[in-house]
Amino acid sequence: MKNSPTQEEALLIQEIKNTLADFIGEDEHEIFYDLIQTYQNDACKLVNSLREAIAQGDAKGLRRATHSLKSSSGNLGAHKLAQQAGELEKRAKANDFNNITLTQFEIEYNFVCRTLKHFS
């Protein structure tokens, strides 16, 4: 049995529904769930690439991962995560690895992942 979403999760759920409905229409529920599944799979890979790029000081890899994550998160409706990925992308473009912490990014990423479980 699934837990009911928190108020924050409910807001993100609604934002995701609105964003995807704008892209594909409200009656395309099967495509809707396919897009969420694809996002989850891709985001996991991108976040792993992002972590690895930071560990290796790889600005190009970080730029590529954050740009893709920023775009896909924004297209999904996870705008706060997209914004945080965009901030990391700016740092990668500037080759600025000084004091990069992923604490807030990880919190938001985990929040999005938890919220997406309400769609299954």
PDB file of N, CA and C in Angstrom:
ATOM      1  N   MET A   1       0.837  -1.176   0.000  1.00  0.00           N
ATOM      2  CA  MET A   1       0.000   0.000   0.000  1.00  0.00           C
ATOM      3  C   MET A   1       0.886   1.245   0.000  1.00  0.00           C
ATOM      4  N   LYS A   2       0.606   2.160  -0.917  1.00  0.00           N
ATOM      5  CA  LYS A   2       1.393   3.383  -1.015  1.00  0.00           C
ATOM      6  C   LYS A   2       0.977   4.379   0.057  1.00  0.00           C
ATOM      7  N   ASN A   3       1.963   5.112   0.539  1.00  0.00           N
ATOM      8  CA  ASN A   3       1.651   6.218   1.441  1.00  0.00           C
ATOM      9  C   ASN A   3       1.098   7.365   0.634  1.00  0.00           C
ATOM     10  N   SER A   4       0.277   8.165   1.263  1.00  0.00           N
ATOM     11  CA  SER A   4      -0.224   9.371   0.604  1.00  0.00           C
ATOM     12  C   SER A   4       0.920  10.352   0.451  1.00  0.00           C
ATOM     13  N   PRO A   5       0.915  11.106  -0.642  1.00  0.00           N
ATOM     14  CA  PRO A   5       1.993  12.080  -0.823  1.00  0.00           C
ATOM     15  C   PRO A   5       1.917  13.198   0.209  1.00  0.00           C
ATOM     16  N   THR A   6       3.083  13.698   0.576  1.00  0.00           N
ATOM     17  CA  THR A   6       3.122  14.875   1.443  1.00  0.00           C
ATOM     18  C   THR A   6       2.616  16.075   0.646  1.00  0.00           C
ATOM     19  N   GLN A   7       2.426  17.180   1.315  1.00  0.00           N
ATOM     20  CA  GLN A   7       1.965  18.384   0.620  1.00  0.00           C
ATOM     21  C   GLN A   7       2.984  18.824  -0.440  1.00  0.00           C
ATOM     22  N   GLU A   8       4.266  18.772  -0.102  1.00  0.00           N
ATOM     23  CA  GLU A   8       5.310  19.128  -1.072  1.00  0.00           C
ATOM     24  C   GLU A   8       5.297  18.179  -2.265  1.00  0.00           C
ATOM     25  N   GLU A   9       5.142  16.887  -1.994  1.00  0.00           N
ATOM     26  CA  GLU A   9       5.077  15.907  -3.071  1.00  0.00           C
ATOM     27  C   GLU A   9       3.843  16.131  -3.941  1.00  0.00           C
ATOM     28  N   ALA A  10       2.726  16.427  -3.304  1.00  0.00           N
ATOM     29  CA  ALA A  10       1.491  16.680  -4.058  1.00  0.00           C
ATOM     30  C   ALA A  10       1.655  17.872  -4.994  1.00  0.00           C
ATOM     31  N   LEU A  11       2.361  18.901  -4.538  1.00  0.00           N
ATOM     32  CA  LEU A  11       2.610  20.067  -5.394  1.00  0.00           C
ATOM     33  C   LEU A  11       3.480  19.687  -6.589  1.00  0.00           C
ATOM     34  N   LEU A  12       4.523  18.898  -6.349  1.00  0.00           N
ATOM     35  CA  LEU A  12       5.378  18.461  -7.451  1.00  0.00           C
ATOM     36  C   LEU A  12       4.616  17.539  -8.396  1.00  0.00           C
ATOM     37  N   ILE A  13       3.802  16.651  -7.863  1.00  0.00           N
ATOM     38  CA  ILE A  13       2.982  15.765  -8.691  1.00  0.00           C
ATOM     39  C   ILE A  13       2.111  16.599  -9.625  1.00  0.00           C
ATOM     40  N   GLN A  14       1.483  17.607  -9.079  1.00  0.00           N
ATOM     41  CA  GLN A  14       0.610  18.454  -9.905  1.00  0.00           C
ATOM     42  C   GLN A  14       1.417  19.203 -10.967  1.00  0.00           C
ATOM     43  N   GLU A  15       2.588  19.682 -10.601  1.00  0.00           N
ATOM     44  CA  GLU A  15       3.444  20.387 -11.560  1.00  0.00           C
ATOM     45  C   GLU A  15       3.880  19.443 -12.689  1.00  0.00           C
ATOM     46  N   ILE A  16       4.229  18.222 -12.331  1.00  0.00           N
ATOM     47  CA  ILE A  16       4.613  17.235 -13.342  1.00  0.00           C
ATOM     48  C   ILE A  16       3.430  16.934 -14.254  1.00  0.00           C
ATOM     49  N   LYS A  17       2.264  16.727 -13.666  1.00  0.00           N
ATOM     50  CA  LYS A  17       1.067  16.456 -14.473  1.00  0.00           C
ATOM     51  C   LYS A  17       0.778  17.613 -15.421  1.00  0.00           C
ATOM     52  N   ASN A  18       0.857  18.825 -14.914  1.00  0.00           N
ATOM     53  CA  ASN A  18       0.596  20.002 -15.756  1.00  0.00           C
ATOM     54  C   ASN A  18       1.611  20.122 -16.885  1.00  0.00           C
ATOM     55  N   THR A  19       2.881  19.942 -16.553  1.00  0.00           N
ATOM     56  CA  THR A  19       3.943  20.076 -17.554  1.00  0.00           C
ATOM     57  C   THR A  19       3.800  19.016 -18.644  1.00  0.00           C
ATOM     58  N   LEU A  20       3.595  17.771 -18.237  1.00  0.00           N
ATOM     59  CA  LEU A  20       3.463  16.704 -19.227  1.00  0.00           C
ATOM     60  C   LEU A  20       2.177  16.841 -20.037  1.00  0.00           C
ATOM     61  N   ALA A  21       1.107  17.287 -19.409  1.00  0.00           N
ATOM     62  CA  ALA A  21      -0.148  17.497 -20.140  1.00  0.00           C
ATOM     63  C   ALA A  21       0.032  18.574 -21.205  1.00  0.00           C
ATOM     64  N   ASP A  22       0.822  19.592 -20.897  1.00  0.00           N
ATOM     65  CA  ASP A  22       1.106  20.637 -21.893  1.00  0.00           C
ATOM     66  C   ASP A  22       1.869  20.069 -23.088  1.00  0.00           C
ATOM     67  N   PHE A  23       2.741  19.103 -22.841  1.00  0.00           N
ATOM     68  CA  PHE A  23       3.543  18.507 -23.910  1.00  0.00           C
ATOM     69  C   PHE A  23       2.781  17.468 -24.721  1.00  0.00           C
ATOM     70  N   ILE A  24       2.057  16.589 -24.021  1.00  0.00           N
ATOM     71  CA  ILE A  24       1.482  15.429 -24.717  1.00  0.00           C
ATOM     72  C   ILE A  24      -0.039  15.365 -24.669  1.00  0.00           C
ATOM     73  N   GLY A  25      -0.665  16.201 -23.912  1.00  0.00           N
ATOM     74  CA  GLY A  25      -2.121  16.153 -23.773  1.00  0.00           C
ATOM     75  C   GLY A  25      -2.515  15.385 -22.528  1.00  0.00           C
ATOM     76  N   GLU A  26      -3.695  15.700 -22.048  1.00  0.00           N
ATOM     77  CA  GLU A  26      -4.148  15.109 -20.785  1.00  0.00           C
ATOM     78  C   GLU A  26      -4.617  13.671 -20.917  1.00  0.00           C
ATOM     79  N   ASP A  27      -4.954  13.237 -22.110  1.00  0.00           N
ATOM     80  CA  ASP A  27      -5.533  11.913 -22.288  1.00  0.00           C
ATOM     81  C   ASP A  27      -4.513  10.836 -22.639  1.00  0.00           C
ATOM     82  N   GLU A  28      -3.259  11.162 -22.622  1.00  0.00           N
ATOM     83  CA  GLU A  28      -2.204  10.224 -23.028  1.00  0.00           C
ATOM     84  C   GLU A  28      -1.512   9.610 -21.809  1.00  0.00           C
ATOM     85  N   HIS A  29      -2.303   8.932 -20.965  1.00  0.00           N
ATOM     86  CA  HIS A  29      -1.768   8.416 -19.705  1.00  0.00           C
ATOM     87  C   HIS A  29      -0.671   7.372 -19.894  1.00  0.00           C
ATOM     88  N   GLU A  30      -0.768   6.527 -20.894  1.00  0.00           N
ATOM     89  CA  GLU A  30       0.262   5.514 -21.109  1.00  0.00           C
ATOM     90  C   GLU A  30       1.600   6.164 -21.466  1.00  0.00           C
ATOM     91  N   ILE A  31       1.570   7.152 -22.337  1.00  0.00           N
ATOM     92  CA  ILE A  31       2.789   7.880 -22.706  1.00  0.00           C
ATOM     93  C   ILE A  31       3.332   8.620 -21.489  1.00  0.00           C
ATOM     94  N   PHE A  32       2.428   9.169 -20.720  1.00  0.00           N
ATOM     95  CA  PHE A  32       2.761   9.896 -19.501  1.00  0.00           C
ATOM     96  C   PHE A  32       3.634   9.028 -18.589  1.00  0.00           C
ATOM     97  N   TYR A  33       3.195   7.805 -18.322  1.00  0.00           N
ATOM     98  CA  TYR A  33       3.946   6.907 -17.438  1.00  0.00           C
ATOM     99  C   TYR A  33       5.240   6.427 -18.084  1.00  0.00           C
ATOM    100  N   ASP A  34       5.223   6.237 -19.388  1.00  0.00           N
ATOM    101  CA  ASP A  34       6.453   5.873 -20.101  1.00  0.00           C
ATOM    102  C   ASP A  34       7.497   6.978 -19.982  1.00  0.00           C
ATOM    103  N   LEU A  35       7.068   8.229 -20.105  1.00  0.00           N
ATOM    104  CA  LEU A  35       7.993   9.359 -19.979  1.00  0.00           C
ATOM    105  C   LEU A  35       8.583   9.435 -18.580  1.00  0.00           C
ATOM    106  N   ILE A  36       7.777   9.181 -17.578  1.00  0.00           N
ATOM    107  CA  ILE A  36       8.271   9.201 -16.198  1.00  0.00           C
ATOM    108  C   ILE A  36       9.288   8.084 -15.991  1.00  0.00           C
ATOM    109  N   GLN A  37       8.994   6.903 -16.499  1.00  0.00           N
ATOM    110  CA  GLN A  37       9.929   5.775 -16.372  1.00  0.00           C
ATOM    111  C   GLN A  37      11.242   6.068 -17.091  1.00  0.00           C
ATOM    112  N   THR A  38      11.150   6.617 -18.288  1.00  0.00           N
ATOM    113  CA  THR A  38      12.348   6.975 -19.044  1.00  0.00           C
ATOM    114  C   THR A  38      13.160   8.019 -18.285  1.00  0.00           C
ATOM    115  N   TYR A  39      12.468   9.021 -17.749  1.00  0.00           N
ATOM    116  CA  TYR A  39      13.155  10.059 -16.966  1.00  0.00           C
ATOM    117  C   TYR A  39      13.891   9.416 -15.787  1.00  0.00           C
ATOM    118  N   GLN A  40      13.226   8.545 -15.050  1.00  0.00           N
ATOM    119  CA  GLN A  40      13.848   7.931 -13.879  1.00  0.00           C
ATOM    120  C   GLN A  40      15.118   7.177 -14.263  1.00  0.00           C
ATOM    121  N   ASN A  41      15.043   6.402 -15.324  1.00  0.00           N
ATOM    122  CA  ASN A  41      16.215   5.645 -15.765  1.00  0.00           C
ATOM    123  C   ASN A  41      17.345   6.566 -16.207  1.00  0.00           C
ATOM    124  N   ASP A  42      17.012   7.561 -17.015  1.00  0.00           N
ATOM    125  CA  ASP A  42      18.027   8.480 -17.529  1.00  0.00           C
ATOM    126  C   ASP A  42      18.610   9.352 -16.417  1.00  0.00           C
ATOM    127  N   ALA A  43      17.759   9.843 -15.538  1.00  0.00           N
ATOM    128  CA  ALA A  43      18.230  10.720 -14.459  1.00  0.00           C
ATOM    129  C   ALA A  43      19.212   9.985 -13.554  1.00  0.00           C
ATOM    130  N   CYS A  44      18.930   8.738 -13.261  1.00  0.00           N
ATOM    131  CA  CYS A  44      19.826   7.945 -12.421  1.00  0.00           C
ATOM    132  C   CYS A  44      21.211   7.866 -13.055  1.00  0.00           C
ATOM    133  N   LYS A  45      21.260   7.580 -14.350  1.00  0.00           N
ATOM    134  CA  LYS A  45      22.538   7.507 -15.062  1.00  0.00           C
ATOM    135  C   LYS A  45      23.241   8.861 -15.077  1.00  0.00           C
ATOM    136  N   LEU A  46      22.467   9.923 -15.313  1.00  0.00           N
ATOM    137  CA  LEU A  46      23.052  11.267 -15.380  1.00  0.00           C
ATOM    138  C   LEU A  46      23.605  11.703 -14.032  1.00  0.00           C
ATOM    139  N   VAL A  47      22.891  11.405 -12.966  1.00  0.00           N
ATOM    140  CA  VAL A  47      23.370  11.771 -11.628  1.00  0.00           C
ATOM    141  C   VAL A  47      24.637  10.990 -11.299  1.00  0.00           C
ATOM    142  N   ASN A  48      24.698   9.728 -11.680  1.00  0.00           N
ATOM    143  CA  ASN A  48      25.932   8.962 -11.473  1.00  0.00           C
ATOM    144  C   ASN A  48      27.084   9.559 -12.278  1.00  0.00           C
ATOM    145  N   SER A  49      26.812   9.959 -13.519  1.00  0.00           N
ATOM    146  CA  SER A  49      27.842  10.608 -14.349  1.00  0.00           C
ATOM    147  C   SER A  49      28.281  11.924 -13.732  1.00  0.00           C
ATOM    148  N   LEU A  50      27.344  12.661 -13.206  1.00  0.00           N
ATOM    149  CA  LEU A  50      27.632  13.946 -12.559  1.00  0.00           C
ATOM    150  C   LEU A  50      28.552  13.735 -11.357  1.00  0.00           C
ATOM    151  N   ARG A  51      28.221  12.777 -10.522  1.00  0.00           N
ATOM    152  CA  ARG A  51      29.045  12.485  -9.340  1.00  0.00           C
ATOM    153  C   ARG A  51      30.468  12.081  -9.752  1.00  0.00           C
ATOM    154  N   GLU A  52      30.544  11.219 -10.758  1.00  0.00           N
ATOM    155  CA  GLU A  52      31.843  10.757 -11.241  1.00  0.00           C
ATOM    156  C   GLU A  52      32.660  11.916 -11.817  1.00  0.00           C
ATOM    157  N   ALA A  53      32.003  12.786 -12.590  1.00  0.00           N
ATOM    158  CA  ALA A  53      32.700  13.931 -13.182  1.00  0.00           C
ATOM    159  C   ALA A  53      33.252  14.854 -12.099  1.00  0.00           C
ATOM    160  N   ILE A  54      32.488  15.069 -11.047  1.00  0.00           N
ATOM    161  CA  ILE A  54      32.960  15.912  -9.947  1.00  0.00           C
ATOM    162  C   ILE A  54      34.161  15.245  -9.272  1.00  0.00           C
ATOM    163  N   ALA A  55      34.056  13.959  -9.011  1.00  0.00           N
ATOM    164  CA  ALA A  55      35.155  13.241  -8.352  1.00  0.00           C
ATOM    165  C   ALA A  55      36.436  13.298  -9.172  1.00  0.00           C
ATOM    166  N   GLN A  56      36.302  13.304 -10.501  1.00  0.00           N
ATOM    167  CA  GLN A  56      37.467  13.305 -11.379  1.00  0.00           C
ATOM    168  C   GLN A  56      37.873  14.702 -11.845  1.00  0.00           C
ATOM    169  N   GLY A  57      37.114  15.722 -11.459  1.00  0.00           N
ATOM    170  CA  GLY A  57      37.418  17.074 -11.925  1.00  0.00           C
ATOM    171  C   GLY A  57      37.216  17.230 -13.427  1.00  0.00           C
ATOM    172  N   ASP A  58      36.261  16.508 -13.967  1.00  0.00           N
ATOM    173  CA  ASP A  58      35.984  16.481 -15.408  1.00  0.00           C
ATOM    174  C   ASP A  58      34.907  17.507 -15.750  1.00  0.00           C
ATOM    175  N   ALA A  59      35.327  18.709 -16.128  1.00  0.00           N
ATOM    176  CA  ALA A  59      34.387  19.787 -16.420  1.00  0.00           C
ATOM    177  C   ALA A  59      33.491  19.456 -17.615  1.00  0.00           C
ATOM    178  N   LYS A  60      34.067  18.856 -18.642  1.00  0.00           N
ATOM    179  CA  LYS A  60      33.278  18.511 -19.833  1.00  0.00           C
ATOM    180  C   LYS A  60      32.206  17.475 -19.488  1.00  0.00           C
ATOM    181  N   GLY A  61      32.571  16.455 -18.747  1.00  0.00           N
ATOM    182  CA  GLY A  61      31.609  15.437 -18.328  1.00  0.00           C
ATOM    183  C   GLY A  61      30.533  16.011 -17.428  1.00  0.00           C
ATOM    184  N   LEU A  62      30.935  16.909 -16.534  1.00  0.00           N
ATOM    185  CA  LEU A  62      29.976  17.558 -15.642  1.00  0.00           C
ATOM    186  C   LEU A  62      29.019  18.441 -16.434  1.00  0.00           C
ATOM    187  N   ARG A  63      29.553  19.177 -17.386  1.00  0.00           N
ATOM    188  CA  ARG A  63      28.711  20.041 -18.235  1.00  0.00           C
ATOM    189  C   ARG A  63      27.689  19.216 -18.997  1.00  0.00           C
ATOM    190  N   ARG A  64      28.138  18.128 -19.571  1.00  0.00           N
ATOM    191  CA  ARG A  64      27.253  17.267 -20.363  1.00  0.00           C
ATOM    192  C   ARG A  64      26.149  16.672 -19.485  1.00  0.00           C
ATOM    193  N   ALA A  65      26.517  16.127 -18.336  1.00  0.00           N
ATOM    194  CA  ALA A  65      25.534  15.490 -17.445  1.00  0.00           C
ATOM    195  C   ALA A  65      24.550  16.509 -16.878  1.00  0.00           C
ATOM    196  N   THR A  66      25.066  17.646 -16.441  1.00  0.00           N
ATOM    197  CA  THR A  66      24.172  18.643 -15.837  1.00  0.00           C
ATOM    198  C   THR A  66      23.257  19.278 -16.875  1.00  0.00           C
ATOM    199  N   HIS A  67      23.771  19.490 -18.084  1.00  0.00           N
ATOM    200  CA  HIS A  67      22.925  20.074 -19.122  1.00  0.00           C
ATOM    201  C   HIS A  67      21.760  19.133 -19.455  1.00  0.00           C
ATOM    202  N   SER A  68      22.063  17.858 -19.614  1.00  0.00           N
ATOM    203  CA  SER A  68      21.018  16.878 -19.918  1.00  0.00           C
ATOM    204  C   SER A  68      20.019  16.752 -18.773  1.00  0.00           C
ATOM    205  N   LEU A  69      20.533  16.722 -17.552  1.00  0.00           N
ATOM    206  CA  LEU A  69      19.652  16.607 -16.392  1.00  0.00           C
ATOM    207  C   LEU A  69      18.795  17.857 -16.229  1.00  0.00           C
ATOM    208  N   LYS A  70      19.386  19.014 -16.481  1.00  0.00           N
ATOM    209  CA  LYS A  70      18.635  20.271 -16.407  1.00  0.00           C
ATOM    210  C   LYS A  70      17.472  20.252 -17.392  1.00  0.00           C
ATOM    211  N   SER A  71      17.744  19.860 -18.616  1.00  0.00           N
ATOM    212  CA  SER A  71      16.717  19.846 -19.653  1.00  0.00           C
ATOM    213  C   SER A  71      15.629  18.822 -19.360  1.00  0.00           C
ATOM    214  N   SER A  72      16.032  17.605 -19.049  1.00  0.00           N
ATOM    215  CA  SER A  72      15.024  16.562 -18.829  1.00  0.00           C
ATOM    216  C   SER A  72      14.192  16.833 -17.578  1.00  0.00           C
ATOM    217  N   SER A  73      14.818  17.371 -16.534  1.00  0.00           N
ATOM    218  CA  SER A  73      14.073  17.697 -15.314  1.00  0.00           C
ATOM    219  C   SER A  73      13.089  18.831 -15.575  1.00  0.00           C
ATOM    220  N   GLY A  74      13.523  19.836 -16.292  1.00  0.00           N
ATOM    221  CA  GLY A  74      12.627  20.941 -16.633  1.00  0.00           C
ATOM    222  C   GLY A  74      11.471  20.483 -17.492  1.00  0.00           C
ATOM    223  N   ASN A  75      11.748  19.619 -18.473  1.00  0.00           N
ATOM    224  CA  ASN A  75      10.695  19.103 -19.343  1.00  0.00           C
ATOM    225  C   ASN A  75       9.703  18.225 -18.589  1.00  0.00           C
ATOM    226  N   LEU A  76      10.160  17.602 -17.514  1.00  0.00           N
ATOM    227  CA  LEU A  76       9.284  16.782 -16.689  1.00  0.00           C
ATOM    228  C   LEU A  76       8.408  17.644 -15.785  1.00  0.00           C
ATOM    229  N   GLY A  77       8.937  18.780 -15.360  1.00  0.00           N
ATOM    230  CA  GLY A  77       8.226  19.622 -14.397  1.00  0.00           C
ATOM    231  C   GLY A  77       8.927  19.708 -13.059  1.00  0.00           C
ATOM    232  N   ALA A  78      10.100  19.082 -12.938  1.00  0.00           N
ATOM    233  CA  ALA A  78      10.899  19.134 -11.710  1.00  0.00           C
ATOM    234  C   ALA A  78      11.813  20.358 -11.802  1.00  0.00           C
ATOM    235  N   HIS A  79      11.202  21.533 -11.701  1.00  0.00           N
ATOM    236  CA  HIS A  79      11.898  22.780 -11.983  1.00  0.00           C
ATOM    237  C   HIS A  79      12.989  23.126 -10.973  1.00  0.00           C
ATOM    238  N   LYS A  80      12.784  22.780  -9.722  1.00  0.00           N
ATOM    239  CA  LYS A  80      13.816  23.082  -8.718  1.00  0.00           C
ATOM    240  C   LYS A  80      15.074  22.256  -8.978  1.00  0.00           C
ATOM    241  N   LEU A  81      14.889  20.993  -9.336  1.00  0.00           N
ATOM    242  CA  LEU A  81      16.042  20.151  -9.663  1.00  0.00           C
ATOM    243  C   LEU A  81      16.714  20.664 -10.928  1.00  0.00           C
ATOM    244  N   ALA A  82      15.919  21.083 -11.909  1.00  0.00           N
ATOM    245  CA  ALA A  82      16.472  21.642 -13.145  1.00  0.00           C
ATOM    246  C   ALA A  82      17.307  22.887 -12.840  1.00  0.00           C
ATOM    247  N   GLN A  83      16.825  23.725 -11.944  1.00  0.00           N
ATOM    248  CA  GLN A  83      17.554  24.938 -11.565  1.00  0.00           C
ATOM    249  C   GLN A  83      18.881  24.587 -10.896  1.00  0.00           C
ATOM    250  N   GLN A  84      18.859  23.615 -10.018  1.00  0.00           N
ATOM    251  CA  GLN A  84      20.094  23.220  -9.334  1.00  0.00           C
ATOM    252  C   GLN A  84      21.088  22.603 -10.311  1.00  0.00           C
ATOM    253  N   ALA A  85      20.593  21.821 -11.263  1.00  0.00           N
ATOM    254  CA  ALA A  85      21.475  21.259 -12.289  1.00  0.00           C
ATOM    255  C   ALA A  85      22.064  22.387 -13.134  1.00  0.00           C
ATOM    256  N   GLY A  86      21.261  23.403 -13.412  1.00  0.00           N
ATOM    257  CA  GLY A  86      21.744  24.560 -14.167  1.00  0.00           C
ATOM    258  C   GLY A  86      22.858  25.294 -13.437  1.00  0.00           C
ATOM    259  N   GLU A  87      22.746  25.403 -12.125  1.00  0.00           N
ATOM    260  CA  GLU A  87      23.805  26.049 -11.339  1.00  0.00           C
ATOM    261  C   GLU A  87      25.100  25.239 -11.406  1.00  0.00           C
ATOM    262  N   LEU A  88      24.975  23.921 -11.334  1.00  0.00           N
ATOM    263  CA  LEU A  88      26.163  23.069 -11.468  1.00  0.00           C
ATOM    264  C   LEU A  88      26.741  23.169 -12.875  1.00  0.00           C
ATOM    265  N   GLU A  89      25.876  23.294 -13.872  1.00  0.00           N
ATOM    266  CA  GLU A  89      26.347  23.445 -15.251  1.00  0.00           C
ATOM    267  C   GLU A  89      27.166  24.729 -15.407  1.00  0.00           C
ATOM    268  N   LYS A  90      26.707  25.806 -14.786  1.00  0.00           N
ATOM    269  CA  LYS A  90      27.459  27.077 -14.840  1.00  0.00           C
ATOM    270  C   LYS A  90      28.847  26.907 -14.226  1.00  0.00           C
ATOM    271  N   ARG A  91      28.904  26.195 -13.124  1.00  0.00           N
ATOM    272  CA  ARG A  91      30.203  25.969 -12.477  1.00  0.00           C
ATOM    273  C   ARG A  91      31.105  25.130 -13.362  1.00  0.00           C
ATOM    274  N   ALA A  92      30.522  24.147 -14.041  1.00  0.00           N
ATOM    275  CA  ALA A  92      31.311  23.302 -14.948  1.00  0.00           C
ATOM    276  C   ALA A  92      31.839  24.136 -16.108  1.00  0.00           C
ATOM    277  N   LYS A  93      31.014  25.015 -16.649  1.00  0.00           N
ATOM    278  CA  LYS A  93      31.440  25.865 -17.766  1.00  0.00           C
ATOM    279  C   LYS A  93      32.598  26.766 -17.349  1.00  0.00           C
ATOM    280  N   ALA A  94      32.589  27.179 -16.083  1.00  0.00           N
ATOM    281  CA  ALA A  94      33.657  28.028 -15.559  1.00  0.00           C
ATOM    282  C   ALA A  94      34.828  27.200 -15.028  1.00  0.00           C
ATOM    283  N   ASN A  95      34.720  25.872 -15.140  1.00  0.00           N
ATOM    284  CA  ASN A  95      35.727  24.957 -14.627  1.00  0.00           C
ATOM    285  C   ASN A  95      35.992  25.209 -13.141  1.00  0.00           C
ATOM    286  N   ASP A  96      34.908  25.488 -12.414  1.00  0.00           N
ATOM    287  CA  ASP A  96      34.979  25.820 -10.990  1.00  0.00           C
ATOM    288  C   ASP A  96      34.533  24.622 -10.155  1.00  0.00           C
ATOM    289  N   PHE A  97      35.518  23.896  -9.643  1.00  0.00           N
ATOM    290  CA  PHE A  97      35.228  22.735  -8.809  1.00  0.00           C
ATOM    291  C   PHE A  97      35.474  23.035  -7.332  1.00  0.00           C
ATOM    292  N   ASN A  98      35.807  24.282  -7.018  1.00  0.00           N
ATOM    293  CA  ASN A  98      36.080  24.662  -5.634  1.00  0.00           C
ATOM    294  C   ASN A  98      34.816  24.581  -4.791  1.00  0.00           C
ATOM    295  N   ASN A  99      34.898  23.822  -3.736  1.00  0.00           N
ATOM    296  CA  ASN A  99      33.821  23.716  -2.757  1.00  0.00           C
ATOM    297  C   ASN A  99      32.484  23.280  -3.343  1.00  0.00           C
ATOM    298  N   ILE A 100      32.501  22.448  -4.383  1.00  0.00           N
ATOM    299  CA  ILE A 100      31.232  21.917  -4.894  1.00  0.00           C
ATOM    300  C   ILE A 100      30.706  20.919  -3.874  1.00  0.00           C
ATOM    301  N   THR A 101      29.518  21.177  -3.417  1.00  0.00           N
ATOM    302  CA  THR A 101      28.825  20.224  -2.557  1.00  0.00           C
ATOM    303  C   THR A 101      27.509  19.872  -3.231  1.00  0.00           C
ATOM    304  N   LEU A 102      27.150  18.642  -3.096  1.00  0.00           N
ATOM    305  CA  LEU A 102      25.929  18.168  -3.731  1.00  0.00           C
ATOM    306  C   LEU A 102      24.801  17.940  -2.733  1.00  0.00           C
ATOM    307  N   THR A 103      24.957  18.447  -1.518  1.00  0.00           N
ATOM    308  CA  THR A 103      23.980  18.165  -0.471  1.00  0.00           C
ATOM    309  C   THR A 103      22.572  18.581  -0.884  1.00  0.00           C
ATOM    310  N   GLN A 104      22.383  19.834  -1.247  1.00  0.00           N
ATOM    311  CA  GLN A 104      21.041  20.303  -1.621  1.00  0.00           C
ATOM    312  C   GLN A 104      20.564  19.643  -2.913  1.00  0.00           C
ATOM    313  N   PHE A 105      21.473  19.459  -3.843  1.00  0.00           N
ATOM    314  CA  PHE A 105      21.143  18.786  -5.095  1.00  0.00           C
ATOM    315  C   PHE A 105      20.644  17.365  -4.804  1.00  0.00           C
ATOM    316  N   GLU A 106      21.379  16.626  -3.966  1.00  0.00           N
ATOM    317  CA  GLU A 106      21.003  15.254  -3.630  1.00  0.00           C
ATOM    318  C   GLU A 106      19.654  15.210  -2.909  1.00  0.00           C
ATOM    319  N   ILE A 107      19.422  16.166  -2.023  1.00  0.00           N
ATOM    320  CA  ILE A 107      18.137  16.229  -1.321  1.00  0.00           C
ATOM    321  C   ILE A 107      17.005  16.407  -2.329  1.00  0.00           C
ATOM    322  N   GLU A 108      17.177  17.320  -3.263  1.00  0.00           N
ATOM    323  CA  GLU A 108      16.131  17.575  -4.258  1.00  0.00           C
ATOM    324  C   GLU A 108      15.978  16.391  -5.208  1.00  0.00           C
ATOM    325  N   TYR A 109      17.076  15.808  -5.632  1.00  0.00           N
ATOM    326  CA  TYR A 109      17.018  14.641  -6.511  1.00  0.00           C
ATOM    327  C   TYR A 109      16.267  13.491  -5.828  1.00  0.00           C
ATOM    328  N   ASN A 110      16.594  13.217  -4.575  1.00  0.00           N
ATOM    329  CA  ASN A 110      15.918  12.154  -3.829  1.00  0.00           C
ATOM    330  C   ASN A 110      14.433  12.468  -3.633  1.00  0.00           C
ATOM    331  N   PHE A 111      14.117  13.733  -3.418  1.00  0.00           N
ATOM    332  CA  PHE A 111      12.721  14.154  -3.292  1.00  0.00           C
ATOM    333  C   PHE A 111      11.963  13.879  -4.592  1.00  0.00           C
ATOM    334  N   VAL A 112      12.555  14.230  -5.716  1.00  0.00           N
ATOM    335  CA  VAL A 112      11.915  13.972  -7.017  1.00  0.00           C
ATOM    336  C   VAL A 112      11.725  12.470  -7.207  1.00  0.00           C
ATOM    337  N   CYS A 113      12.735  11.682  -6.899  1.00  0.00           N
ATOM    338  CA  CYS A 113      12.630  10.226  -7.042  1.00  0.00           C
ATOM    339  C   CYS A 113      11.514   9.661  -6.170  1.00  0.00           C
ATOM    340  N   ARG A 114      11.437  10.115  -4.918  1.00  0.00           N
ATOM    341  CA  ARG A 114      10.356   9.657  -4.019  1.00  0.00           C
ATOM    342  C   ARG A 114       8.991  10.051  -4.574  1.00  0.00           C
ATOM    343  N   THR A 115       8.897  11.265  -5.071  1.00  0.00           N
ATOM    344  CA  THR A 115       7.625  11.761  -5.592  1.00  0.00           C
ATOM    345  C   THR A 115       7.183  10.966  -6.811  1.00  0.00           C
ATOM    346  N   LEU A 116       8.127  10.629  -7.678  1.00  0.00           N
ATOM    347  CA  LEU A 116       7.786   9.891  -8.893  1.00  0.00           C
ATOM    348  C   LEU A 116       7.237   8.494  -8.583  1.00  0.00           C
ATOM    349  N   LYS A 117       7.557   7.950  -7.420  1.00  0.00           N
ATOM    350  CA  LYS A 117       7.025   6.645  -7.041  1.00  0.00           C
ATOM    351  C   LYS A 117       5.502   6.677  -6.887  1.00  0.00           C
ATOM    352  N   HIS A 118       4.943   7.858  -6.683  1.00  0.00           N
ATOM    353  CA  HIS A 118       3.484   7.983  -6.562  1.00  0.00           C
ATOM    354  C   HIS A 118       2.787   7.817  -7.912  1.00  0.00           C
ATOM    355  N   PHE A 119       3.559   7.801  -8.979  1.00  0.00           N
ATOM    356  CA  PHE A 119       2.982   7.629 -10.320  1.00  0.00           C
ATOM    357  C   PHE A 119       2.900   6.163 -10.730  1.00  0.00           C
ATOM    358  N   SER A 120       3.583   5.279 -10.031  1.00  0.00           N
ATOM    359  CA  SER A 120       3.620   3.871 -10.461  1.00  0.00           C
ATOM    360  C   SER A 120       2.346   3.139 -10.108  1.00  0.00           C
TER     361      SER A 120
END
